[in-house]
Protein backbone atom coordinates (compact mmCIF):
# COMPACT_ATOMS: atom_id res chain seq x y z
CA MET A 1 47.32 5.51 37.99
CA LEU A 2 46.99 7.78 34.95
CA PHE A 3 49.67 5.74 33.23
CA LYS A 4 47.88 2.53 34.03
CA GLY A 5 44.52 3.92 32.93
CA ASN A 6 45.95 5.08 29.60
CA THR A 7 47.60 1.71 29.16
CA MET A 8 44.33 -0.11 29.73
CA LYS A 9 42.67 2.18 27.17
CA ARG A 10 45.38 1.28 24.69
CA LEU A 11 44.90 -2.41 25.49
CA PHE A 12 41.16 -2.22 24.82
CA SER A 13 41.79 -0.21 21.66
CA LEU A 14 44.20 -2.90 20.47
CA LEU A 15 41.65 -5.63 21.16
CA ALA A 16 39.01 -3.66 19.23
CA LEU A 17 41.44 -3.27 16.32
CA VAL A 18 42.16 -7.01 16.26
CA GLY A 19 38.44 -7.70 16.24
CA ALA A 20 37.90 -5.25 13.39
CA LEU A 21 40.69 -6.82 11.37
CA GLY A 22 39.19 -10.26 11.88
CA PHE A 23 35.78 -8.96 10.81
CA CYS A 24 37.19 -7.29 7.73
CA ALA A 25 39.37 -10.26 6.80
CA ALA A 26 36.43 -12.54 6.19
CA PRO A 27 34.88 -10.72 3.19
CA VAL A 28 38.32 -10.02 1.71
CA MET A 29 39.26 -13.69 1.87
CA ALA A 30 35.88 -14.60 0.43
CA GLN A 31 36.44 -12.22 -2.49
CA ASP A 32 39.86 -13.73 -3.12
CA LYS A 33 38.37 -17.22 -3.16
CA ALA A 34 35.61 -16.06 -5.51
CA ALA A 35 38.16 -14.57 -7.89
CA GLU A 36 40.20 -17.77 -7.88
CA ALA A 37 37.24 -20.10 -8.30
CA PRO A 38 36.70 -19.72 -12.10
CA ALA A 39 40.37 -20.36 -12.86
CA ALA A 40 40.45 -23.34 -10.55
CA THR A 41 37.27 -24.72 -12.07
CA ALA A 42 38.60 -24.27 -15.61
CA ALA A 43 41.88 -25.96 -14.72
CA ALA A 44 40.04 -28.86 -13.13
CA ALA A 45 37.82 -29.21 -16.20
CA ALA A 46 40.82 -29.19 -18.54
CA THR A 47 42.60 -31.81 -16.47
CA ALA A 48 39.52 -34.00 -16.42
CA ALA A 49 39.09 -33.72 -20.20
CA ALA A 50 42.75 -34.47 -20.89
CA ALA A 51 43.06 -37.57 -18.72
CA PRO A 52 39.73 -39.36 -18.19
CA ALA A 53 41.42 -42.73 -17.90
CA ALA A 54 43.79 -41.52 -15.17
CA THR A 55 40.88 -40.05 -13.24
CA ALA A 56 39.03 -43.32 -13.37
CA THR A 57 41.95 -45.31 -12.01
CA ALA A 58 43.39 -42.77 -9.53
CA THR A 59 43.55 -43.91 -5.91
CA PRO A 60 41.34 -41.67 -3.79
CA ALA A 61 43.06 -39.73 -1.04
CA PRO A 62 42.60 -41.27 2.40
CA THR A 63 39.83 -39.75 4.48
CA PRO A 64 39.49 -39.54 8.27
CA ASN A 65 37.97 -42.53 10.00
CA LYS A 66 34.59 -41.66 11.51
CA GLY A 67 35.39 -43.57 14.68
CA ASP A 68 38.66 -41.68 15.11
CA THR A 69 36.87 -38.40 14.52
CA ALA A 70 34.20 -39.20 17.09
CA TRP A 71 36.85 -40.17 19.63
CA MET A 72 38.85 -37.00 19.09
CA LEU A 73 35.77 -34.78 19.38
CA THR A 74 34.90 -36.57 22.61
CA SER A 75 38.46 -36.21 23.90
CA THR A 76 38.37 -32.48 23.17
CA ALA A 77 35.19 -32.11 25.20
CA LEU A 78 36.76 -34.13 28.03
CA VAL A 79 39.77 -31.82 28.20
CA LEU A 80 37.44 -28.83 28.21
CA LEU A 81 35.72 -30.44 31.21
CA MET A 82 39.10 -30.65 32.95
CA SER A 83 39.37 -26.86 33.07
CA VAL A 84 35.78 -25.72 33.21
CA PRO A 85 34.60 -26.81 35.71
CA ALA A 86 37.02 -29.46 37.10
CA LEU A 87 40.17 -27.40 37.67
CA ALA A 88 38.11 -24.38 38.72
CA LEU A 89 36.35 -26.43 41.41
CA PHE A 90 39.56 -28.16 42.50
CA TYR A 91 41.35 -24.84 42.95
CA GLY A 92 38.27 -23.03 44.25
CA GLY A 93 37.76 -25.47 47.10
CA LEU A 94 41.36 -25.01 48.21
CA VAL A 95 41.19 -21.25 48.74
CA ARG A 96 39.37 -19.31 51.43
CA SER A 97 35.68 -18.62 50.83
CA LYS A 98 36.28 -14.89 50.27
CA ASN A 99 38.34 -15.74 47.17
CA MET A 100 36.26 -18.55 45.68
CA LEU A 101 34.71 -16.55 42.84
CA SER A 102 38.00 -14.91 41.94
CA VAL A 103 39.48 -18.35 41.27
CA LEU A 104 36.48 -19.45 39.22
CA MET A 105 36.65 -16.20 37.27
CA GLN A 106 40.38 -16.44 36.61
CA VAL A 107 40.12 -20.01 35.32
CA PHE A 108 36.99 -19.39 33.26
CA VAL A 109 38.25 -16.21 31.60
CA THR A 110 41.84 -17.41 31.11
CA PHE A 111 40.53 -20.50 29.33
CA SER A 112 38.38 -18.31 27.08
CA LEU A 113 41.17 -15.82 26.39
CA ILE A 114 43.70 -18.49 25.40
CA THR A 115 41.15 -20.24 23.19
CA VAL A 116 40.64 -17.03 21.22
CA LEU A 117 44.37 -16.32 20.96
CA TRP A 118 44.95 -19.92 19.87
CA CYS A 119 42.58 -19.49 16.94
CA ILE A 120 44.03 -16.10 15.98
CA TYR A 121 47.73 -16.97 15.96
CA GLY A 122 48.59 -19.63 18.54
CA TYR A 123 47.85 -22.71 16.48
CA SER A 124 49.78 -21.34 13.53
CA LEU A 125 52.89 -20.59 15.58
CA ALA A 126 52.79 -23.97 17.31
CA PHE A 127 51.86 -26.35 14.51
CA THR A 128 52.97 -25.00 11.16
CA GLU A 129 56.37 -25.17 9.54
CA GLY A 130 58.79 -22.44 10.58
CA ASN A 131 62.06 -23.25 12.29
CA SER A 132 63.06 -25.55 15.12
CA ILE A 133 61.83 -23.10 17.79
CA ILE A 134 58.60 -21.62 16.47
CA GLY A 135 56.20 -22.12 13.58
CA GLY A 136 54.97 -19.80 10.87
CA LEU A 137 51.91 -17.68 10.09
CA ASP A 138 50.21 -19.88 7.50
CA ARG A 139 47.21 -20.55 9.73
CA LEU A 140 46.47 -17.09 11.14
CA PHE A 141 42.78 -16.92 12.04
CA LEU A 142 42.73 -20.65 11.08
CA LYS A 143 43.02 -19.68 7.42
CA GLY A 144 43.04 -22.75 5.19
CA THR A 145 41.42 -25.20 7.58
CA PHE A 146 38.09 -24.95 5.74
CA ASP A 147 37.40 -23.98 2.12
CA ALA A 148 33.91 -22.50 2.18
CA ALA A 149 33.69 -22.35 -1.62
CA LYS A 150 34.35 -26.06 -2.04
CA GLY A 151 33.05 -27.24 1.30
CA GLU A 152 36.35 -29.01 1.91
CA PHE A 153 38.28 -29.45 5.15
CA SER A 154 42.06 -29.57 5.39
CA MET A 155 43.74 -32.64 6.86
CA ALA A 156 46.27 -33.07 9.65
CA ALA A 157 48.57 -36.01 10.31
CA THR A 158 48.19 -38.64 13.00
CA PHE A 159 50.87 -41.17 13.94
CA SER A 160 49.83 -43.74 11.31
CA LYS A 161 50.48 -43.62 7.59
CA GLY A 162 47.39 -43.09 5.46
CA THR A 163 45.30 -42.15 8.49
CA PRO A 164 44.59 -38.40 8.44
CA MET A 165 42.33 -36.44 10.76
CA TYR A 166 40.41 -33.25 10.17
CA GLU A 167 42.77 -30.40 10.95
CA MET A 168 39.96 -28.44 12.58
CA VAL A 169 39.50 -31.25 15.10
CA PHE A 170 43.22 -31.17 15.87
CA VAL A 171 43.03 -27.39 16.29
CA ALA A 172 40.24 -27.72 18.84
CA PHE A 173 41.93 -30.56 20.72
CA GLN A 174 45.20 -28.67 21.05
CA ALA A 175 43.39 -25.47 22.01
CA THR A 176 42.18 -27.15 25.18
CA PHE A 177 45.77 -28.13 26.04
CA ALA A 178 47.02 -24.58 25.62
CA ALA A 179 44.18 -23.14 27.68
CA ILE A 180 44.41 -25.54 30.63
CA THR A 181 48.19 -25.12 30.79
CA CYS A 182 47.77 -21.40 31.36
CA CYS A 183 45.02 -22.04 33.92
CA LEU A 184 47.30 -24.33 35.94
CA ILE A 185 49.67 -21.45 36.71
CA LEU A 186 46.91 -19.59 38.54
CA GLY A 187 47.13 -21.94 41.51
CA SER A 188 50.47 -20.48 42.53
CA VAL A 189 49.31 -16.86 42.72
CA VAL A 190 45.70 -17.07 43.90
CA GLU A 191 44.27 -14.78 46.60
CA ARG A 192 46.50 -11.78 45.92
CA MET A 193 47.02 -11.10 42.19
CA LYS A 194 45.02 -8.53 40.24
CA PHE A 195 42.68 -9.87 37.58
CA SER A 196 44.03 -7.40 35.01
CA ALA A 197 47.59 -8.50 35.76
CA VAL A 198 46.58 -12.14 35.34
CA LEU A 199 45.28 -11.47 31.82
CA ILE A 200 48.34 -9.47 30.75
CA PHE A 201 50.68 -12.15 32.07
CA MET A 202 48.74 -14.90 30.30
CA VAL A 203 48.94 -13.24 26.89
CA ILE A 204 52.71 -12.81 27.17
CA TRP A 205 53.50 -16.21 28.66
CA PHE A 206 51.24 -18.09 26.26
CA THR A 207 52.86 -16.38 23.28
CA PHE A 208 56.49 -16.70 24.29
CA SER A 209 56.59 -19.85 26.42
CA TYR A 210 53.73 -22.20 25.62
CA LEU A 211 53.79 -21.80 21.84
CA PRO A 212 57.55 -22.28 21.34
CA LEU A 213 57.66 -25.31 23.64
CA ALA A 214 54.62 -26.90 21.98
CA HIS A 215 56.35 -26.43 18.61
CA MET A 216 59.70 -27.72 19.86
CA VAL A 217 58.22 -30.88 21.35
CA TRP A 218 55.29 -31.80 19.11
CA PHE A 219 55.73 -30.36 15.63
CA TRP A 220 56.95 -32.69 12.88
CA MET A 221 56.05 -33.32 9.24
CA GLY A 222 53.87 -36.37 9.87
CA PRO A 223 54.33 -40.03 8.90
CA ASP A 224 53.05 -39.72 5.32
CA ALA A 225 55.88 -37.32 4.47
CA TYR A 226 58.46 -40.06 5.11
CA THR A 227 58.30 -41.86 1.75
CA ASP A 228 61.99 -42.24 0.98
CA PRO A 229 65.10 -42.71 3.16
CA LYS A 230 66.73 -39.88 1.21
CA LEU A 231 64.16 -37.42 2.60
CA VAL A 232 64.55 -38.30 6.28
CA ASP A 233 67.25 -35.78 7.22
CA GLU A 234 65.50 -32.97 5.36
CA LEU A 235 62.15 -33.74 7.01
CA ASN A 236 63.63 -34.10 10.48
CA ALA A 237 65.30 -30.71 10.10
CA LYS A 238 61.87 -29.12 9.72
CA ALA A 239 60.61 -30.52 13.04
CA GLY A 240 60.74 -28.91 16.46
CA MET A 241 64.07 -28.93 18.26
CA LEU A 242 63.15 -31.37 21.03
CA TRP A 243 61.38 -33.66 18.58
CA GLN A 244 64.60 -33.72 16.55
CA TRP A 245 66.48 -34.72 19.68
CA GLY A 246 64.13 -37.66 20.13
CA ALA A 247 62.41 -36.44 23.33
CA LEU A 248 59.29 -38.44 24.20
CA ASP A 249 56.28 -36.55 25.55
CA PHE A 250 53.02 -38.31 24.83
CA ALA A 251 50.58 -35.74 26.22
CA GLY A 252 52.43 -32.85 27.83
CA GLY A 253 54.83 -33.60 30.66
CA THR A 254 57.16 -30.88 29.40
CA VAL A 255 54.80 -28.70 27.36
CA VAL A 256 52.02 -28.59 29.95
CA HIS A 257 53.07 -29.58 33.46
CA ILE A 258 56.74 -28.60 33.82
CA ASN A 259 56.06 -25.50 31.76
CA ALA A 260 53.17 -24.38 34.00
CA GLY A 261 54.67 -25.59 37.28
CA VAL A 262 57.92 -23.69 36.93
CA ALA A 263 56.08 -20.57 35.74
CA GLY A 264 53.89 -20.82 38.83
CA LEU A 265 56.90 -21.01 41.14
CA VAL A 266 58.41 -17.96 39.50
CA GLY A 267 55.10 -16.18 40.01
CA ALA A 268 55.01 -17.14 43.67
CA PHE A 269 58.41 -15.52 44.17
CA VAL A 270 57.74 -12.41 42.07
CA VAL A 271 54.21 -11.71 43.33
CA GLY A 272 55.19 -12.46 46.91
CA LYS A 273 53.50 -14.17 49.82
CA ARG A 274 49.88 -13.67 50.83
CA VAL A 275 49.23 -11.30 53.71
CA GLY A 276 49.43 -13.34 56.90
CA TYR A 277 51.09 -16.35 55.22
CA GLY A 278 52.72 -18.51 57.89
CA ARG A 279 50.96 -16.62 60.70
CA GLU A 280 47.26 -17.00 59.91
CA ALA A 281 45.17 -20.05 59.06
CA MET A 282 44.65 -20.40 55.31
CA SER A 283 42.80 -23.69 55.26
CA PRO A 284 40.76 -24.84 52.22
CA HIS A 285 37.16 -23.70 52.57
CA SER A 286 35.60 -26.70 50.81
CA LEU A 287 37.41 -30.01 50.45
CA THR A 288 34.13 -31.36 49.10
CA MET A 289 34.50 -29.14 46.03
CA THR A 290 38.16 -30.08 45.78
CA MET A 291 37.30 -33.78 45.79
CA VAL A 292 34.61 -33.28 43.14
CA GLY A 293 37.08 -31.30 41.05
CA ALA A 294 39.77 -33.99 41.41
CA ALA A 295 37.33 -36.72 40.38
CA MET A 296 36.29 -34.72 37.31
CA LEU A 297 39.94 -34.14 36.46
CA TRP A 298 40.55 -37.89 36.57
CA PHE A 299 37.58 -38.44 34.28
CA GLY A 300 38.57 -35.73 31.83
CA TRP A 301 42.21 -36.80 31.81
CA PHE A 302 41.31 -39.87 29.77
CA GLY A 303 40.62 -37.48 26.91
CA PHE A 304 43.86 -35.63 27.65
CA ASN A 305 46.09 -38.71 27.59
CA ALA A 306 44.27 -41.31 25.49
CA GLY A 307 43.16 -38.60 23.09
CA SER A 308 46.80 -37.76 22.44
CA ALA A 309 47.07 -40.97 20.44
CA LEU A 310 45.01 -39.01 17.85
CA GLU A 311 43.25 -42.25 16.89
CA ALA A 312 40.95 -44.78 18.53
CA ASN A 313 43.54 -47.56 18.47
CA GLY A 314 45.83 -49.68 20.63
CA SER A 315 47.99 -46.73 21.60
CA ALA A 316 44.91 -44.93 22.94
CA SER A 317 43.95 -48.08 24.85
CA LEU A 318 47.40 -48.27 26.44
CA ALA A 319 47.32 -44.59 27.37
CA PHE A 320 43.84 -45.01 28.83
CA MET A 321 44.80 -47.96 31.01
CA ASN A 322 48.06 -46.40 32.16
CA THR A 323 46.20 -43.23 33.14
CA PHE A 324 43.66 -45.28 35.09
CA LEU A 325 46.26 -47.37 36.90
CA ALA A 326 48.95 -44.82 37.67
CA THR A 327 46.43 -42.44 39.22
CA ALA A 328 45.09 -45.11 41.55
CA CYS A 329 48.64 -46.05 42.58
CA ALA A 330 49.48 -42.44 43.37
CA VAL A 331 46.37 -42.01 45.52
CA LEU A 332 47.43 -44.97 47.63
CA THR A 333 51.09 -44.07 48.03
CA TRP A 334 50.26 -40.45 48.90
CA ILE A 335 47.76 -41.31 51.64
CA PHE A 336 49.93 -44.10 53.06
CA GLY A 337 52.83 -41.65 53.12
CA GLU A 338 50.65 -39.20 55.04
CA TRP A 339 49.52 -41.98 57.35
CA ILE A 340 53.11 -42.86 58.20
CA PHE A 341 54.58 -39.36 58.51
CA LYS A 342 51.58 -37.33 59.69
CA GLY A 343 49.55 -39.92 61.53
CA LYS A 344 46.33 -39.61 59.47
CA PRO A 345 45.40 -40.04 55.79
CA SER A 346 43.47 -37.04 54.46
CA MET A 347 40.91 -36.35 51.75
CA LEU A 348 43.11 -33.51 50.54
CA GLY A 349 45.97 -36.00 50.29
CA ALA A 350 43.88 -38.45 48.26
CA ALA A 351 42.80 -35.72 45.84
CA SER A 352 46.35 -34.39 45.56
CA GLY A 353 47.68 -37.91 45.01
CA ALA A 354 45.25 -38.41 42.15
CA VAL A 355 46.45 -35.24 40.43
CA ALA A 356 50.09 -36.19 41.04
CA GLY A 357 49.56 -39.57 39.39
CA LEU A 358 47.74 -37.99 36.45
CA VAL A 359 50.54 -35.47 35.96
CA ALA A 360 53.37 -38.01 36.13
CA ILE A 361 51.78 -40.47 33.71
CA THR A 362 51.00 -37.74 31.15
CA PRO A 363 54.33 -37.82 29.24
CA ALA A 364 54.44 -41.61 29.60
CA ALA A 365 50.81 -42.50 28.88
CA GLY A 366 51.29 -44.18 25.52
CA ASN A 367 55.06 -44.44 25.83
CA VAL A 368 55.32 -47.03 28.62
CA GLY A 369 53.75 -50.38 29.38
CA ILE A 370 51.76 -51.48 32.40
CA PRO A 371 54.90 -52.08 34.53
CA GLY A 372 55.90 -48.48 33.90
CA ALA A 373 52.48 -47.23 34.99
CA PHE A 374 52.77 -49.09 38.30
CA VAL A 375 56.17 -47.58 39.04
CA ILE A 376 55.45 -44.04 37.80
CA GLY A 377 52.16 -43.77 39.66
CA SER A 378 53.53 -45.20 42.90
CA LEU A 379 56.59 -42.94 42.92
CA ALA A 380 54.54 -39.88 41.94
CA GLY A 381 52.48 -40.05 45.12
CA LEU A 382 55.56 -40.12 47.34
CA VAL A 383 57.71 -37.66 45.39
CA CYS A 384 54.95 -35.05 45.12
CA LEU A 385 54.03 -35.52 48.79
CA TRP A 386 57.61 -34.53 49.58
CA GLY A 387 57.36 -31.73 47.03
CA VAL A 388 54.45 -30.00 48.75
CA ASN A 389 55.93 -30.44 52.22
CA GLY A 390 59.72 -30.74 52.51
CA LEU A 391 60.69 -29.11 49.22
CA LYS A 392 58.14 -26.33 49.62
CA LYS A 393 59.63 -25.37 53.00
CA MET A 394 63.12 -25.41 51.52
CA LEU A 395 62.11 -23.07 48.69
CA GLY A 396 60.22 -20.71 50.99
CA ALA A 397 57.78 -19.53 48.32
CA ASP A 398 54.03 -19.16 48.81
CA ASP A 399 53.05 -21.50 46.00
CA ALA A 400 49.50 -21.39 47.32
CA LEU A 401 48.02 -24.50 45.68
CA ASP A 402 51.29 -26.40 45.13
CA VAL A 403 51.49 -26.08 41.36
CA PHE A 404 55.26 -26.57 41.40
CA GLY A 405 55.26 -29.40 43.92
CA VAL A 406 52.68 -31.41 41.98
CA HIS A 407 52.82 -30.34 38.34
CA ALA A 408 56.48 -29.45 37.84
CA LEU A 409 57.87 -32.16 40.10
CA GLY A 410 55.41 -34.78 38.85
CA GLY A 411 56.06 -33.77 35.26
CA ILE A 412 59.82 -34.04 35.71
CA LEU A 413 59.47 -37.46 37.33
CA GLY A 414 57.21 -38.73 34.56
CA ALA A 415 59.38 -37.32 31.78
CA LEU A 416 62.52 -38.95 33.15
CA LEU A 417 60.91 -42.31 33.87
CA THR A 418 59.47 -42.34 30.35
CA GLY A 419 63.05 -42.58 29.14
CA ILE A 420 63.47 -45.75 31.19
CA PHE A 421 60.16 -47.57 30.83
CA ASN A 422 59.68 -46.90 27.13
CA ASN A 423 62.22 -49.65 26.55
CA GLN A 424 60.70 -52.89 25.26
CA ASP A 425 62.80 -54.96 27.67
CA LEU A 426 60.90 -53.26 30.51
CA GLY A 427 57.47 -53.82 29.01
CA GLY A 428 57.32 -50.57 27.06
CA PRO A 429 56.04 -50.16 23.50
CA GLY A 430 59.34 -48.74 22.24
CA LEU A 431 59.41 -46.00 19.64
CA VAL A 432 59.43 -45.65 15.88
CA THR A 433 63.05 -45.81 14.79
CA ASP A 434 62.35 -45.51 11.04
CA TRP A 435 59.32 -43.52 9.89
CA VAL A 436 59.78 -44.65 6.27
CA THR A 437 59.05 -48.27 7.18
CA ALA A 438 57.36 -47.54 10.54
CA LYS A 439 59.84 -49.89 12.21
CA VAL A 440 59.64 -49.94 16.02
CA GLY A 441 62.59 -50.46 18.37
CA SER A 442 64.15 -49.16 21.57
CA ASN A 443 66.97 -46.80 22.32
CA PRO A 444 69.49 -47.74 25.03
CA ILE A 445 67.94 -46.72 28.33
CA MET A 446 70.71 -44.32 29.37
CA ASP A 447 70.69 -42.66 25.96
CA GLN A 448 66.95 -42.02 26.09
CA LEU A 449 67.12 -40.94 29.72
CA LEU A 450 69.75 -38.33 28.79
CA ILE A 451 67.54 -37.04 25.97
CA GLN A 452 64.63 -36.74 28.39
CA ALA A 453 66.78 -34.91 30.93
CA LYS A 454 67.93 -32.42 28.30
CA ALA A 455 64.32 -31.77 27.29
CA VAL A 456 63.39 -31.17 30.92
CA GLY A 457 66.30 -28.76 31.33
CA VAL A 458 65.35 -26.73 28.26
CA THR A 459 61.75 -26.52 29.44
CA VAL A 460 62.65 -25.39 32.96
CA ILE A 461 65.01 -22.65 31.79
CA TRP A 462 62.78 -21.44 28.96
CA THR A 463 59.60 -21.08 30.98
CA ALA A 464 61.37 -19.60 34.02
CA VAL A 465 62.89 -16.80 31.97
CA VAL A 466 59.69 -16.04 30.05
CA ALA A 467 57.54 -16.16 33.20
CA TYR A 468 59.82 -13.76 35.08
CA ILE A 469 59.75 -11.24 32.23
CA ALA A 470 55.98 -11.62 31.78
CA PHE A 471 55.27 -11.01 35.47
CA LYS A 472 57.55 -7.97 35.47
CA ILE A 473 55.83 -6.50 32.41
CA ALA A 474 52.42 -6.99 34.01
CA ASP A 475 53.75 -5.32 37.16
CA VAL A 476 54.92 -2.28 35.21
CA ILE A 477 51.63 -1.93 33.33
CA VAL A 478 49.02 -2.41 36.08
CA GLY A 479 50.81 -3.73 39.17
CA LEU A 480 50.67 -7.37 40.24
CA ARG A 481 48.99 -7.25 43.64
CA VAL A 482 45.79 -5.88 45.04
CA ALA A 483 46.04 -3.53 48.01
CA GLU A 484 46.50 -5.13 51.43
CA GLU A 485 43.01 -4.07 52.55
CA ALA A 486 41.49 -5.60 49.44
CA GLU A 487 43.41 -8.80 49.99
CA ARG A 488 42.19 -9.07 53.56
CA GLU A 489 38.59 -8.43 52.55
CA GLY A 490 38.84 -10.88 49.67
CA LEU A 491 39.18 -10.69 45.90
CA ASP A 492 35.58 -11.71 45.24
CA LEU A 493 34.16 -8.39 46.40
CA ASN A 494 37.10 -6.15 45.56
CA GLU A 495 37.92 -7.45 42.11
CA HIS A 496 34.52 -8.66 40.92
CA GLY A 497 31.87 -7.11 43.16
CA GLU A 498 30.34 -10.48 43.96
CA ALA A 499 30.33 -13.06 46.73
CA ALA A 500 30.32 -16.81 46.35
CA TYR A 501 28.20 -17.38 49.44
CA HIS A 502 25.46 -15.44 51.21
CA MET A 503 25.07 -16.75 54.75
């Protein structure tokens, strides 16, 4: 315990040091800007004096569309809603009452922790130029996103030429993705993992699994960089590895759901089963809260999927409708599957079906047409129903809230079917085959399906390895599990000194 106590002291000292560095960095950067300002002003004045005619005729740089900006700010808030409170309530209702607050606390604090880390270094490593695996450090502490001296905001690319967005809006939108992905993992290890171990694991896994995969799948140089066919190979080489392969992931089938689902399964094995698992009743204490949480997830997911179009346009409309439809299909197939195989349709099944449909349509949202949404949603309900019953028994792990069976399995299904239903012959929108001319076409179905399968394989292996190491490191530092007595009494009182209910 002395070792663990000293370690925690070092951890808090490190956090204090990071905070101090951030505090000190602000005036230093301000001084640098102040020193540069006169030279920049003089250069600007000289340029203006030398070429007044050119200034008068120069084409102004494109600016963000106000409607797009409003939509993206709204989408960011919707994804925030998905975690706090939607996911917290969904998960909280599924655990026993003695652990309700511990789940709320883990989700709430994990979301906050990852948001801070995202703004310190996460965004920079995920979405700046580096190599095909990880980005660089150009945006540490969000440096360069806002010039206080000039009152100017930096721009980020969308998927349309000449249509930028404020980079700060993109930072916020992607922060919510990173944070909810980490929160999803919690469902696999609830009711027995130490709060301190949760935080240590999250820092490691976020840094070494989420950030590289986000970079590999989503980072590229943007459409405006593709001005000449001669530049294409050079620009593609700067993108993330899976983007270079041509993997399609509209809103996070690989980056979010497979990534989190596999990490959760690893955690279920490493942390071990709950005391009494398989011998004692561990029924959800409030399916009412779970249903409310599921409904809020469905609502917020429109920001998650349609917002990933990065514009208020036709692609966003397609993603919105596909999200709406696929979810409804999955609800129906899940409960009818229950009805046939278990004799009764359940509220838990309906809520789980909704989440399964949302997960499966995520990589496909703007990448398939309406026919694809029908098929993906309908299959998701049945496949994930099997995942949380038959497959779960085969694996033998105590994945408490079925993160693997719903998120990993649903994400894999959606990612693979995206490779099929993206094709224009099957009603899909196709993909951009030439970013210089923005020409749209379709890859042969088997070719795209193989690309999708390779992306899934990379994601599964990457996150499994990182998660295992992260859990082991947390175990060495503070230990993963609470004591058996504490687990039986409940984490609310033992970890947080509070109770959710006072009867």
